[in-house]
Amino acid sequence: MFLSYDPVGDILEVIFDENLHRAKQVAYKLRQGMVLYVSAGRPKPVQLTLGNYHALMQFPHVKFDGWKKLPASDKKLLKPILTSPMVSAFLRLDPETGYGHIASPGMPEILAIAA
């Protein structure tokens, strides 16, 4: 796992698997400035980009309007990925309502996920 934060743009980039990062990916826009990249060959998270990271952490609820616009087949593919420990450490999304929040993982959580 590789984390990169740009304080000027308030963008957090989480690369879950550097080997898959070099392979073909499919991007899913969950909301403006928030994209989940998934391996094209298998349903594994590759990268998560969270724009306005700190700003969004201040809100108790975030509307994932991009999620609501996805076709049912994409939602079915993404649901187990979004609820996996790797992704849910950074964002929590209720697939039924399309609402959730941005998580703020601590270092022990990040290290456990990366292991």
Protein backbone atom coordinates (compact mmCIF):
# COMPACT_ATOMS: atom_id res chain seq x y z
CA MET A 1 0.00 0.00 0.00
CA PHE A 2 1.20 3.47 -0.87
CA LEU A 3 -0.34 6.72 0.43
CA SER A 4 0.24 10.14 -1.06
CA TYR A 5 -1.33 13.37 0.18
CA ASP A 6 -1.27 16.71 -1.65
CA PRO A 7 -2.03 19.39 0.97
CA VAL A 8 -2.47 22.14 -1.64
CA GLY A 9 -5.19 20.25 -3.51
CA ASP A 10 -6.37 18.34 -0.40
CA ILE A 11 -6.12 15.08 -2.37
CA LEU A 12 -5.39 11.70 -0.84
CA GLU A 13 -4.20 8.98 -3.22
CA VAL A 14 -4.25 5.42 -1.90
CA ILE A 15 -2.60 2.78 -4.05
CA PHE A 16 -3.64 -0.59 -2.69
CA ASP A 17 -1.56 -2.79 -4.98
CA GLU A 18 1.42 -1.34 -6.87
CA ASN A 19 1.64 -4.39 -9.16
CA LEU A 20 -1.98 -3.99 -10.25
CA HIS A 21 -1.41 -0.25 -10.58
CA ARG A 22 0.66 -0.97 -13.69
CA ALA A 23 -2.06 -3.18 -15.23
CA LYS A 24 -5.26 -2.20 -17.04
CA GLN A 25 -7.82 -0.57 -14.76
CA VAL A 26 -11.40 0.62 -14.81
CA ALA A 27 -12.24 3.92 -13.09
CA TYR A 28 -15.52 4.39 -11.21
CA LYS A 29 -16.49 7.92 -10.22
CA LEU A 30 -18.18 7.74 -6.82
CA ARG A 31 -18.69 11.51 -6.61
CA GLN A 32 -16.96 14.66 -7.83
CA GLY A 33 -13.24 14.28 -7.10
CA MET A 34 -13.59 10.73 -5.80
CA VAL A 35 -12.60 7.82 -8.02
CA LEU A 36 -12.10 4.12 -7.30
CA TYR A 37 -9.86 2.27 -9.73
CA VAL A 38 -10.41 -1.46 -10.03
CA SER A 39 -8.34 -4.06 -11.85
CA ALA A 40 -9.86 -4.82 -15.24
CA GLY A 41 -8.89 -8.49 -14.98
CA ARG A 42 -10.34 -9.21 -11.55
CA PRO A 43 -12.42 -7.35 -9.00
CA LYS A 44 -9.64 -5.98 -6.81
CA PRO A 45 -9.16 -2.38 -5.69
CA VAL A 46 -6.11 -0.77 -7.23
CA GLN A 47 -6.33 2.89 -6.26
CA LEU A 48 -8.63 5.32 -4.50
CA THR A 49 -8.45 9.05 -5.15
CA LEU A 50 -10.18 11.27 -2.59
CA GLY A 51 -10.40 14.95 -3.52
CA ASN A 52 -11.24 17.45 -0.77
CA TYR A 53 -10.22 14.77 1.71
CA HIS A 54 -10.00 16.85 4.89
CA ALA A 55 -12.96 19.01 3.93
CA LEU A 56 -15.17 15.95 3.37
CA MET A 57 -14.05 14.38 6.66
CA GLN A 58 -15.79 17.26 8.45
CA PHE A 59 -19.23 16.21 7.18
CA PRO A 60 -21.15 13.50 9.03
CA HIS A 61 -22.72 12.34 5.75
CA VAL A 62 -21.51 12.53 2.16
CA LYS A 63 -23.69 11.95 -0.88
CA PHE A 64 -22.02 9.61 -3.35
CA ASP A 65 -24.04 10.82 -6.32
CA GLY A 66 -21.73 9.07 -8.82
CA TRP A 67 -22.52 5.76 -7.13
CA LYS A 68 -26.25 6.31 -7.63
CA LYS A 69 -25.67 6.85 -11.38
CA LEU A 70 -23.73 3.61 -11.91
CA PRO A 71 -25.45 0.72 -13.71
CA ALA A 72 -26.64 -2.15 -11.51
CA SER A 73 -23.96 -4.45 -12.95
CA ASP A 74 -21.20 -2.05 -11.85
CA LYS A 75 -22.75 -1.71 -8.39
CA LYS A 76 -22.85 -5.49 -8.04
CA LEU A 77 -19.14 -5.70 -8.95
CA LEU A 78 -18.13 -2.82 -6.67
CA LYS A 79 -20.19 -3.62 -3.56
CA PRO A 80 -17.79 -6.25 -2.13
CA ILE A 81 -14.82 -4.04 -3.01
CA LEU A 82 -16.29 -0.99 -1.26
CA THR A 83 -17.05 -2.99 1.86
CA SER A 84 -13.62 -4.65 1.94
CA PRO A 85 -11.33 -3.63 4.82
CA MET A 86 -8.89 -1.95 2.41
CA VAL A 87 -11.40 0.50 0.94
CA SER A 88 -13.70 0.88 3.95
CA ALA A 89 -10.73 2.09 6.01
CA PHE A 90 -10.88 5.28 3.92
CA LEU A 91 -14.54 5.63 3.01
CA ARG A 92 -17.78 4.10 4.15
CA LEU A 93 -20.57 3.93 1.63
CA ASP A 94 -24.01 2.46 2.16
CA PRO A 95 -24.70 0.86 -1.23
CA GLU A 96 -28.45 1.04 -0.66
CA THR A 97 -28.76 4.75 0.11
CA GLY A 98 -25.72 6.14 -1.70
CA TYR A 99 -24.69 8.04 1.42
CA GLY A 100 -21.70 7.50 3.65
CA HIS A 101 -18.74 9.29 5.14
CA ILE A 102 -15.00 9.66 4.75
CA ALA A 103 -13.11 7.61 7.31
CA SER A 104 -9.99 8.78 9.06
CA PRO A 105 -7.91 5.65 9.63
CA GLY A 106 -5.22 5.64 12.27
CA MET A 107 -1.75 4.33 11.61
CA PRO A 108 -2.43 0.92 13.25
CA GLU A 109 -5.41 0.41 10.91
CA ILE A 110 -3.34 1.38 7.87
CA LEU A 111 -0.50 -0.95 8.84
CA ALA A 112 -2.92 -3.84 9.41
CA ILE A 113 -4.49 -3.31 5.98
CA ALA A 114 -1.12 -3.04 4.26
CA ALA A 115 0.16 -6.27 5.82
